[in-house]
Amino acid sequence: MARRRKKSKTRRKKSGVSVIGLAETYMLLNVGTQALFNTNPVNFVMGTGGKDGFNAAGLSAISLKELFQMSQVPTSSNTAFHTTNVIKKNFEANWPTALAGMVLIPVGFKLGRNFARPAITRTNRLLNKSGIGSTVKL
């Protein structure tokens, strides 16, 4: 009896990093860090956090370093608050805008991609022809 041919697996090219996807991810990260830590993602990672104390709204910025230390956050007055209490206070003050951002940003990017589809396709085609299309996409 003849041997059966094995079905070959479909090979796919690795697609590049999407610049639009990175922008959407950064904006969602910004919403999350603003809601919980009252700072942007760059300052959160770099460590510029609650050293300035509480702002006028009673919210303090917290960095990744302070989050791992779980220490007390210094304030402008003589009192200090535990990091988790500050995060809770920040979230209670910022949750409505965070919720709106987490819902509206993906919707806006989806609509924007649909409207800009012809331009995105042409740009990706040019990137492929230039040789960097496997690394970067729009």
N, C-alpha and C. Protein backbone atom coordinates (compact mmCIF):
# COMPACT_ATOMS: atom_id res chain seq x y z
N MET A 1 0.84 -1.18 0.00
CA MET A 1 0.00 0.00 0.00
C MET A 1 0.89 1.25 0.00
N ALA A 2 0.48 2.23 -0.75
CA ALA A 2 1.25 3.47 -0.88
C ALA A 2 1.17 4.29 0.41
N ARG A 3 2.26 4.94 0.67
CA ARG A 3 2.33 5.78 1.87
C ARG A 3 1.54 7.07 1.67
N ARG A 4 0.86 7.48 2.71
CA ARG A 4 0.11 8.74 2.63
C ARG A 4 1.06 9.92 2.75
N ARG A 5 0.72 10.94 2.03
CA ARG A 5 1.51 12.17 2.15
C ARG A 5 1.06 12.92 3.39
N LYS A 6 2.03 13.43 4.10
CA LYS A 6 1.71 14.25 5.28
C LYS A 6 1.36 15.64 4.80
N LYS A 7 0.37 16.20 5.42
CA LYS A 7 -0.02 17.56 5.07
C LYS A 7 1.00 18.52 5.69
N SER A 8 1.60 19.34 4.86
CA SER A 8 2.61 20.26 5.37
C SER A 8 1.95 21.40 6.13
N LYS A 9 2.63 21.82 7.15
CA LYS A 9 2.11 22.93 7.93
C LYS A 9 2.29 24.21 7.15
N THR A 10 1.33 25.09 7.27
CA THR A 10 1.43 26.37 6.58
C THR A 10 2.47 27.23 7.26
N ARG A 11 3.35 27.77 6.48
CA ARG A 11 4.39 28.65 7.02
C ARG A 11 3.91 30.08 6.93
N ARG A 12 4.13 30.78 7.99
CA ARG A 12 3.72 32.18 8.00
C ARG A 12 4.91 33.05 8.32
N LYS A 13 4.94 34.19 7.66
CA LYS A 13 6.00 35.15 7.97
C LYS A 13 5.71 35.80 9.31
N LYS A 14 6.76 36.10 10.01
CA LYS A 14 6.58 36.83 11.25
C LYS A 14 6.24 38.27 10.89
N SER A 15 5.16 38.74 11.45
CA SER A 15 4.78 40.13 11.17
C SER A 15 5.57 41.05 12.09
N GLY A 16 5.74 42.27 11.65
CA GLY A 16 6.53 43.23 12.41
C GLY A 16 5.76 43.84 13.54
N VAL A 17 6.42 44.71 14.24
CA VAL A 17 5.83 45.44 15.36
C VAL A 17 4.92 46.53 14.80
N SER A 18 3.72 46.59 15.29
CA SER A 18 2.75 47.58 14.82
C SER A 18 2.94 48.89 15.58
N VAL A 19 3.23 49.94 14.84
CA VAL A 19 3.42 51.26 15.46
C VAL A 19 2.10 51.76 16.05
N ILE A 20 1.01 51.53 15.35
CA ILE A 20 -0.30 51.95 15.84
C ILE A 20 -0.67 51.17 17.10
N GLY A 21 -0.35 49.87 17.11
CA GLY A 21 -0.60 49.05 18.30
C GLY A 21 0.21 49.51 19.50
N LEU A 22 1.47 49.91 19.24
CA LEU A 22 2.30 50.43 20.33
C LEU A 22 1.72 51.73 20.89
N ALA A 23 1.23 52.59 20.00
CA ALA A 23 0.63 53.85 20.45
C ALA A 23 -0.61 53.60 21.30
N GLU A 24 -1.44 52.65 20.87
CA GLU A 24 -2.64 52.32 21.63
C GLU A 24 -2.27 51.74 22.99
N THR A 25 -1.28 50.87 23.02
CA THR A 25 -0.84 50.27 24.28
C THR A 25 -0.30 51.33 25.23
N TYR A 26 0.49 52.27 24.71
CA TYR A 26 1.03 53.33 25.56
C TYR A 26 -0.10 54.19 26.13
N MET A 27 -1.09 54.50 25.31
CA MET A 27 -2.20 55.33 25.81
C MET A 27 -2.99 54.59 26.89
N LEU A 28 -3.20 53.28 26.72
CA LEU A 28 -3.89 52.51 27.75
C LEU A 28 -3.05 52.41 29.03
N LEU A 29 -1.74 52.24 28.87
CA LEU A 29 -0.85 52.25 30.03
C LEU A 29 -0.90 53.58 30.76
N ASN A 30 -0.96 54.66 30.00
CA ASN A 30 -1.04 55.99 30.59
C ASN A 30 -2.31 56.15 31.42
N VAL A 31 -3.42 55.65 30.90
CA VAL A 31 -4.68 55.73 31.64
C VAL A 31 -4.56 54.95 32.95
N GLY A 32 -3.99 53.75 32.87
CA GLY A 32 -3.86 52.92 34.07
C GLY A 32 -2.94 53.53 35.12
N THR A 33 -1.78 54.03 34.68
CA THR A 33 -0.86 54.62 35.65
C THR A 33 -1.38 55.94 36.20
N GLN A 34 -2.11 56.70 35.39
CA GLN A 34 -2.70 57.93 35.91
C GLN A 34 -3.76 57.62 36.97
N ALA A 35 -4.55 56.57 36.73
CA ALA A 35 -5.62 56.23 37.65
C ALA A 35 -5.08 55.72 38.98
N LEU A 36 -4.08 54.86 38.94
CA LEU A 36 -3.60 54.23 40.17
C LEU A 36 -2.44 54.96 40.83
N PHE A 37 -1.51 55.45 40.00
CA PHE A 37 -0.27 55.98 40.56
C PHE A 37 -0.10 57.48 40.33
N ASN A 38 -1.03 58.11 39.65
CA ASN A 38 -1.05 59.55 39.41
C ASN A 38 0.22 60.05 38.71
N THR A 39 0.70 59.26 37.75
CA THR A 39 1.87 59.63 36.97
C THR A 39 1.79 58.94 35.61
N ASN A 40 2.64 59.36 34.69
CA ASN A 40 2.64 58.70 33.37
C ASN A 40 3.56 57.48 33.41
N PRO A 41 3.49 56.59 32.40
CA PRO A 41 4.28 55.36 32.43
C PRO A 41 5.79 55.58 32.50
N VAL A 42 6.30 56.61 31.82
CA VAL A 42 7.74 56.86 31.83
C VAL A 42 8.20 57.25 33.23
N ASN A 43 7.52 58.19 33.86
CA ASN A 43 7.88 58.60 35.22
C ASN A 43 7.66 57.47 36.21
N PHE A 44 6.66 56.64 35.98
CA PHE A 44 6.39 55.50 36.85
C PHE A 44 7.57 54.53 36.85
N VAL A 45 8.10 54.22 35.65
CA VAL A 45 9.21 53.28 35.54
C VAL A 45 10.53 53.92 35.96
N MET A 46 10.74 55.18 35.59
CA MET A 46 12.01 55.84 35.88
C MET A 46 12.19 56.18 37.36
N GLY A 47 11.12 56.25 38.10
CA GLY A 47 11.26 56.44 39.53
C GLY A 47 10.98 57.82 40.05
N THR A 48 10.42 58.71 39.24
CA THR A 48 10.06 60.02 39.76
C THR A 48 8.63 59.92 40.25
N GLY A 49 8.46 59.69 41.53
CA GLY A 49 7.14 59.42 42.07
C GLY A 49 6.69 60.45 43.07
N GLY A 50 6.36 60.00 44.27
CA GLY A 50 5.72 60.83 45.28
C GLY A 50 6.65 61.68 46.10
N LYS A 51 7.80 62.02 45.60
CA LYS A 51 8.75 62.81 46.37
C LYS A 51 8.28 64.26 46.54
N ASP A 52 7.39 64.69 45.67
CA ASP A 52 6.88 66.06 45.75
C ASP A 52 5.75 66.19 46.76
N GLY A 53 5.26 65.09 47.27
CA GLY A 53 4.15 65.13 48.22
C GLY A 53 2.82 65.15 47.50
N PHE A 54 1.78 65.41 48.26
CA PHE A 54 0.43 65.41 47.72
C PHE A 54 0.18 66.69 46.95
N ASN A 55 -0.62 66.59 45.89
CA ASN A 55 -0.98 67.79 45.15
C ASN A 55 -2.25 68.40 45.75
N ALA A 56 -2.78 69.39 45.10
CA ALA A 56 -3.93 70.12 45.64
C ALA A 56 -5.15 69.22 45.80
N ALA A 57 -5.28 68.19 44.94
CA ALA A 57 -6.44 67.30 45.03
C ALA A 57 -6.25 66.22 46.09
N GLY A 58 -5.10 66.20 46.75
CA GLY A 58 -4.84 65.19 47.77
C GLY A 58 -4.29 63.90 47.20
N LEU A 59 -3.85 63.92 45.94
CA LEU A 59 -3.33 62.72 45.30
C LEU A 59 -1.82 62.77 45.23
N SER A 60 -1.19 61.62 45.33
CA SER A 60 0.26 61.56 45.29
C SER A 60 0.71 60.67 44.14
N ALA A 61 1.83 61.00 43.53
CA ALA A 61 2.41 60.18 42.47
C ALA A 61 3.29 59.11 43.11
N ILE A 62 3.18 57.90 42.58
CA ILE A 62 3.95 56.77 43.11
C ILE A 62 4.73 56.16 41.96
N SER A 63 6.00 55.84 42.21
CA SER A 63 6.83 55.20 41.18
C SER A 63 6.89 53.70 41.43
N LEU A 64 7.46 52.99 40.46
CA LEU A 64 7.62 51.55 40.56
C LEU A 64 8.52 51.17 41.73
N LYS A 65 9.54 51.98 41.95
CA LYS A 65 10.46 51.76 43.07
C LYS A 65 9.72 51.81 44.40
N GLU A 66 8.89 52.82 44.57
CA GLU A 66 8.12 52.95 45.81
C GLU A 66 7.11 51.83 45.95
N LEU A 67 6.58 51.37 44.83
CA LEU A 67 5.60 50.29 44.87
C LEU A 67 6.25 49.00 45.36
N PHE A 68 7.47 48.72 44.90
CA PHE A 68 8.16 47.52 45.35
C PHE A 68 8.64 47.64 46.80
N GLN A 69 8.97 48.82 47.20
CA GLN A 69 9.41 49.01 48.58
C GLN A 69 8.24 48.94 49.55
N MET A 70 7.03 49.25 49.06
CA MET A 70 5.83 49.29 49.89
C MET A 70 6.07 50.09 51.17
N SER A 71 6.80 51.17 50.99
CA SER A 71 7.13 52.01 52.13
C SER A 71 6.07 53.08 52.29
N GLN A 72 6.37 54.00 53.17
CA GLN A 72 5.47 55.11 53.35
C GLN A 72 5.85 56.22 52.39
N VAL A 73 4.83 56.85 51.82
CA VAL A 73 5.04 57.92 50.86
C VAL A 73 5.14 59.23 51.61
N PRO A 74 6.24 59.97 51.43
CA PRO A 74 6.37 61.25 52.14
C PRO A 74 5.40 62.28 51.58
N THR A 75 4.92 63.13 52.43
CA THR A 75 4.01 64.19 52.01
C THR A 75 4.58 65.53 52.42
N SER A 76 3.89 66.59 51.99
CA SER A 76 4.37 67.93 52.34
C SER A 76 4.18 68.22 53.84
N SER A 77 3.20 67.57 54.45
CA SER A 77 3.02 67.75 55.89
C SER A 77 3.89 66.73 56.64
N ASN A 78 3.76 66.65 57.92
CA ASN A 78 4.58 65.74 58.71
C ASN A 78 4.06 64.30 58.69
N THR A 79 2.89 64.07 58.10
CA THR A 79 2.32 62.73 58.08
C THR A 79 2.77 61.99 56.83
N ALA A 80 2.78 60.67 56.91
CA ALA A 80 3.11 59.83 55.76
C ALA A 80 2.05 58.74 55.66
N PHE A 81 1.71 58.36 54.43
CA PHE A 81 0.70 57.36 54.20
C PHE A 81 1.33 56.14 53.56
N HIS A 82 0.80 54.98 53.90
CA HIS A 82 1.27 53.74 53.30
C HIS A 82 0.92 53.75 51.81
N THR A 83 1.77 53.13 51.01
CA THR A 83 1.61 53.17 49.55
C THR A 83 0.25 52.65 49.10
N THR A 84 -0.23 51.57 49.70
CA THR A 84 -1.52 51.02 49.28
C THR A 84 -2.67 51.99 49.56
N ASN A 85 -2.57 52.74 50.63
CA ASN A 85 -3.61 53.73 50.92
C ASN A 85 -3.62 54.84 49.88
N VAL A 86 -2.43 55.24 49.43
CA VAL A 86 -2.33 56.29 48.42
C VAL A 86 -2.89 55.78 47.09
N ILE A 87 -2.58 54.54 46.74
CA ILE A 87 -3.11 53.97 45.50
C ILE A 87 -4.63 53.92 45.56
N LYS A 88 -5.17 53.51 46.70
CA LYS A 88 -6.62 53.46 46.87
C LYS A 88 -7.24 54.85 46.72
N LYS A 89 -6.61 55.83 47.33
CA LYS A 89 -7.13 57.20 47.24
C LYS A 89 -7.07 57.72 45.80
N ASN A 90 -5.95 57.43 45.12
CA ASN A 90 -5.82 57.84 43.72
C ASN A 90 -6.89 57.19 42.85
N PHE A 91 -7.13 55.89 43.05
CA PHE A 91 -8.12 55.19 42.24
C PHE A 91 -9.52 55.71 42.50
N GLU A 92 -9.85 55.97 43.76
CA GLU A 92 -11.18 56.50 44.09
C GLU A 92 -11.42 57.85 43.42
N ALA A 93 -10.36 58.65 43.28
CA ALA A 93 -10.52 59.96 42.66
C ALA A 93 -10.51 59.89 41.13
N ASN A 94 -9.83 58.89 40.56
CA ASN A 94 -9.61 58.86 39.10
C ASN A 94 -10.37 57.78 38.36
N TRP A 95 -11.18 56.96 39.02
CA TRP A 95 -11.78 55.84 38.32
C TRP A 95 -12.74 56.23 37.20
N PRO A 96 -13.51 57.32 37.29
CA PRO A 96 -14.42 57.62 36.16
C PRO A 96 -13.65 57.93 34.87
N THR A 97 -12.60 58.73 34.96
CA THR A 97 -11.84 59.05 33.76
C THR A 97 -11.08 57.83 33.26
N ALA A 98 -10.62 56.97 34.17
CA ALA A 98 -9.91 55.76 33.76
C ALA A 98 -10.85 54.81 33.03
N LEU A 99 -12.05 54.66 33.53
CA LEU A 99 -13.03 53.78 32.87
C LEU A 99 -13.36 54.30 31.48
N ALA A 100 -13.58 55.61 31.38
CA ALA A 100 -13.88 56.20 30.07
C ALA A 100 -12.71 56.01 29.11
N GLY A 101 -11.50 56.21 29.58
CA GLY A 101 -10.33 56.04 28.73
C GLY A 101 -10.13 54.61 28.29
N MET A 102 -10.34 53.65 29.19
CA MET A 102 -10.16 52.24 28.85
C MET A 102 -11.20 51.76 27.84
N VAL A 103 -12.35 52.41 27.80
CA VAL A 103 -13.37 52.03 26.82
C VAL A 103 -13.20 52.81 25.52
N LEU A 104 -12.97 54.11 25.62
CA LEU A 104 -12.96 54.96 24.42
C LEU A 104 -11.69 54.85 23.59
N ILE A 105 -10.54 54.58 24.20
CA ILE A 105 -9.29 54.50 23.44
C ILE A 105 -9.33 53.34 22.44
N PRO A 106 -9.67 52.10 22.84
CA PRO A 106 -9.74 51.04 21.84
C PRO A 106 -10.78 51.29 20.75
N VAL A 107 -11.92 51.87 21.14
CA VAL A 107 -12.95 52.17 20.15
C VAL A 107 -12.44 53.21 19.15
N GLY A 108 -11.77 54.24 19.65
CA GLY A 108 -11.22 55.27 18.78
C GLY A 108 -10.16 54.73 17.84
N PHE A 109 -9.30 53.87 18.33
CA PHE A 109 -8.28 53.29 17.47
C PHE A 109 -8.89 52.37 16.42
N LYS A 110 -9.92 51.63 16.79
CA LYS A 110 -10.58 50.74 15.82
C LYS A 110 -11.22 51.56 14.71
N LEU A 111 -11.91 52.65 15.07
CA LEU A 111 -12.52 53.52 14.07
C LEU A 111 -11.46 54.20 13.21
N GLY A 112 -10.39 54.64 13.86
CA GLY A 112 -9.30 55.29 13.12
C GLY A 112 -8.64 54.35 12.13
N ARG A 113 -8.43 53.10 12.54
CA ARG A 113 -7.85 52.12 11.61
C ARG A 113 -8.77 51.88 10.42
N ASN A 114 -10.08 51.83 10.67
CA ASN A 114 -11.03 51.61 9.57
C ASN A 114 -11.03 52.78 8.59
N PHE A 115 -10.97 54.00 9.10
CA PHE A 115 -10.97 55.16 8.21
C PHE A 115 -9.65 55.30 7.46
N ALA A 116 -8.56 54.94 8.11
CA ALA A 116 -7.25 55.10 7.50
C ALA A 116 -6.74 53.83 6.81
N ARG A 117 -7.58 52.84 6.62
CA ARG A 117 -7.17 51.56 6.05
C ARG A 117 -6.42 51.71 4.71
N PRO A 118 -6.91 52.51 3.76
CA PRO A 118 -6.17 52.62 2.49
C PRO A 118 -4.75 53.17 2.67
N ALA A 119 -4.60 54.18 3.50
CA ALA A 119 -3.28 54.76 3.73
C ALA A 119 -2.37 53.79 4.49
N ILE A 120 -2.92 53.07 5.43
CA ILE A 120 -2.14 52.09 6.19
C ILE A 120 -1.66 50.98 5.26
N THR A 121 -2.53 50.50 4.40
CA THR A 121 -2.16 49.44 3.46
C THR A 121 -1.04 49.90 2.53
N ARG A 122 -1.16 51.10 1.98
CA ARG A 122 -0.11 51.62 1.10
C ARG A 122 1.21 51.78 1.83
N THR A 123 1.15 52.29 3.04
CA THR A 123 2.38 52.48 3.83
C THR A 123 3.03 51.14 4.14
N ASN A 124 2.24 50.14 4.55
CA ASN A 124 2.80 48.83 4.83
C ASN A 124 3.40 48.19 3.57
N ARG A 125 2.79 48.42 2.43
CA ARG A 125 3.33 47.91 1.17
C ARG A 125 4.69 48.55 0.87
N LEU A 126 4.79 49.87 1.10
CA LEU A 126 6.07 50.55 0.90
C LEU A 126 7.13 50.06 1.88
N LEU A 127 6.73 49.79 3.12
CA LEU A 127 7.67 49.26 4.10
C LEU A 127 8.16 47.87 3.69
N ASN A 128 7.27 47.05 3.13
CA ASN A 128 7.68 45.73 2.66
C ASN A 128 8.66 45.84 1.50
N LYS A 129 8.40 46.77 0.59
CA LYS A 129 9.29 46.94 -0.56
C LYS A 129 10.66 47.47 -0.14
N SER A 130 10.69 48.26 0.91
CA SER A 130 11.97 48.81 1.37
C SER A 130 12.78 47.80 2.17
N GLY A 131 12.16 46.71 2.57
CA GLY A 131 12.88 45.66 3.29
C GLY A 131 12.71 45.66 4.80
N ILE A 132 12.02 46.65 5.33
CA ILE A 132 11.84 46.68 6.79
C ILE A 132 10.41 46.31 7.18
N GLY A 133 9.65 45.82 6.22
CA GLY A 133 8.26 45.45 6.49
C GLY A 133 8.11 44.29 7.43
N SER A 134 9.13 43.41 7.53
CA SER A 134 9.04 42.30 8.46
C SER A 134 9.36 42.73 9.89
N THR A 135 9.88 43.94 10.05
CA THR A 135 10.23 44.43 11.37
C THR A 135 9.21 45.45 11.89
N VAL A 136 8.77 46.36 11.03
CA VAL A 136 7.88 47.45 11.44
C VAL A 136 6.65 47.46 10.54
N LYS A 137 5.50 47.60 11.13
CA LYS A 137 4.23 47.76 10.42
C LYS A 137 3.55 49.02 10.94
N LEU A 138 2.60 49.49 10.18
CA LEU A 138 1.84 50.65 10.63
C LEU A 138 0.53 50.20 11.23
